[in-house]
Amino acid sequence: MKVELIPVPVADPDGNTLTLQEMSWRTVVLAGHLLIGVSVAEASFSRLDATQKDWSTKWSGTPRRYQSDHRSVSP
């Protein structure tokens, strides 16, 4: 039994017909761009978090989570 693959024409936004190989390359490129974008976003958020921690120690002298409550307690 012989099986033939029937090419299904797929058009890009410009109306050009794409082959399966062109579609797979575009998918790989898109996935790569998404991966790079997510990596850059994670790096910038972690840098922002580290910057906020630096500011809290700069202004108070000790990190906020280690500051004790200095209010006087009356019996």
Foldseek 3Di string as FASTA:
>chain_A
DDDDDDWDWDADPVRDTDGPVRVVVVVVVVVVVVVVVVVVVVVVVVVVVVVVQVVCCVVPVDGPVPDDDPDDDDD
